Protein backbone atom coordinates (compact mmCIF):
# COMPACT_ATOMS: atom_id res chain seq x y z
CA MET A 1 -24.10 64.71 19.56
CA ASN A 2 -23.07 64.24 15.94
CA ASN A 3 -19.49 63.36 16.96
CA ARG A 4 -20.75 60.77 19.41
CA VAL A 5 -22.90 59.04 16.76
CA THR A 6 -19.98 59.04 14.34
CA PHE A 7 -17.69 57.58 16.99
CA LEU A 8 -20.23 54.91 17.91
CA ALA A 9 -20.78 53.95 14.26
CA ALA A 10 -17.02 53.77 13.66
CA ALA A 11 -16.56 51.61 16.78
CA ILE A 12 -19.31 49.20 15.70
CA ILE A 13 -17.93 48.95 12.17
CA SER A 14 -14.42 48.39 13.58
CA GLY A 15 -15.70 45.64 15.87
CA LEU A 16 -17.53 43.92 13.03
CA THR A 17 -14.43 44.18 10.84
CA LEU A 18 -12.34 42.59 13.61
CA LEU A 19 -14.87 39.75 13.93
CA MET A 20 -14.79 39.16 10.16
CA VAL A 21 -10.98 39.08 10.20
CA LEU A 22 -11.01 36.51 13.01
CA ALA A 23 -13.61 34.41 11.15
CA ASN A 24 -11.46 34.59 8.02
CA VAL A 25 -8.40 33.36 9.95
CA ILE A 26 -10.41 30.44 11.34
CA PHE A 27 -11.70 29.51 7.87
CA VAL A 28 -8.22 29.74 6.34
CA ASN A 29 -6.80 27.38 8.97
CA GLY A 30 -9.70 24.96 8.48
CA ASN A 31 -9.25 25.03 4.70
CA ARG A 32 -5.51 24.43 5.05
CA SER A 33 -6.09 21.27 7.09
CA LEU A 34 -8.73 20.06 4.60
CA GLN A 35 -6.33 20.68 1.71
CA THR A 36 -3.67 18.63 3.49
CA ASP A 37 -6.11 15.75 3.97
CA ILE A 38 -7.21 15.89 0.34
CA SER A 39 -3.61 15.97 -0.85
CA GLN A 40 -2.75 12.88 1.22
CA ARG A 41 -5.79 11.00 -0.08
CA SER A 42 -4.91 11.96 -3.64
CA GLN A 43 -1.40 10.56 -3.16
CA GLN A 44 -2.86 7.32 -1.81
CA ILE A 45 -5.20 7.02 -4.81
CA ASN A 46 -2.34 7.63 -7.24
CA ALA A 47 -0.20 5.01 -5.48
CA ALA A 48 -3.09 2.53 -5.61
CA ASN A 49 -3.52 3.14 -9.35
CA THR A 50 0.18 2.51 -9.90
CA PHE A 51 0.02 -0.73 -7.90
CA ALA A 52 -3.09 -1.80 -9.82
CA GLN A 53 -1.24 -1.39 -13.12
CA VAL A 54 1.72 -3.40 -11.80
CA TYR A 55 -0.62 -6.06 -10.41
CA GLN A 56 -2.42 -6.36 -13.75
CA SER A 57 0.88 -6.70 -15.61
CA LEU A 58 2.08 -9.37 -13.20
CA LEU A 59 -1.15 -11.33 -13.53
CA GLN A 60 -0.97 -11.11 -17.32
CA ALA A 61 2.62 -12.35 -17.34
CA LEU A 62 1.79 -15.16 -14.91
CA ALA A 63 -1.24 -16.22 -16.95
CA ASN A 64 0.77 -16.18 -20.19
CA ALA A 65 3.49 -18.28 -18.60
CA ALA A 66 0.91 -20.72 -17.21
CA VAL A 67 -0.65 -21.16 -20.66
CA LYS A 68 2.70 -21.44 -22.40
CA GLU A 69 4.12 -23.94 -19.92
CA LYS A 70 0.76 -25.73 -19.48
CA ASP A 71 1.05 -25.33 -15.72
CA THR A 72 -2.26 -26.61 -14.35
CA GLN A 73 -1.50 -25.62 -10.74
CA VAL A 74 -0.94 -21.98 -11.63
CA ARG A 75 -4.01 -21.99 -13.89
CA ALA A 76 -6.08 -23.45 -11.05
CA PHE A 77 -4.76 -20.83 -8.66
CA LEU A 78 -5.57 -18.02 -11.08
CA LYS A 79 -9.07 -19.44 -11.64
CA GLU A 80 -9.61 -19.43 -7.87
CA GLN A 81 -8.67 -15.75 -7.88
CA GLY A 82 -11.30 -15.03 -10.55
CA LEU A 83 -9.14 -14.93 -13.66
CA GLN A 84 -10.58 -16.49 -16.80
CA PHE A 85 -8.49 -17.78 -19.65
CA ALA A 86 -9.43 -17.05 -23.25
CA ASP A 87 -9.47 -20.71 -24.22
CA GLU A 88 -11.89 -21.57 -21.40
CA GLN A 89 -14.46 -18.78 -21.60
CA PRO A 90 -17.99 -20.07 -22.09
CA ALA A 91 -19.36 -19.66 -25.58
CA ALA A 92 -22.01 -17.02 -26.09
CA PRO A 93 -25.52 -18.51 -26.28
CA ALA A 94 -26.97 -18.85 -29.74
CA PRO A 95 -29.55 -16.20 -30.61
CA ASP A 96 -33.15 -17.29 -30.16
CA THR A 97 -34.69 -17.78 -33.61
CA LYS A 98 -38.12 -18.78 -32.29
CA LYS A 99 -40.79 -16.15 -32.26
CA GLY A 100 -43.00 -16.56 -29.26
CA LYS A 101 -46.44 -15.05 -28.71
């Protein structure tokens, strides 16, 4: 009787161990695919940051050339795109010196 209980306990523990190994394999494969996705997204973000730096440099050079050459068409185009020039920024409002109640 004692041998049978020992055998049954060992069989149950072995079965549970096998199930945990299978679950571990499934989780490892799932994690590997998630890591691949994250790596690809990270590469896209890094590429976008690089392009943003290049874009900013190009806009700065174009704006400087437009100011230097007094090119109104380029300045108008850059204004349409949302770029403001230092010589055209609105002045800050004067501080309110009145004390209201």
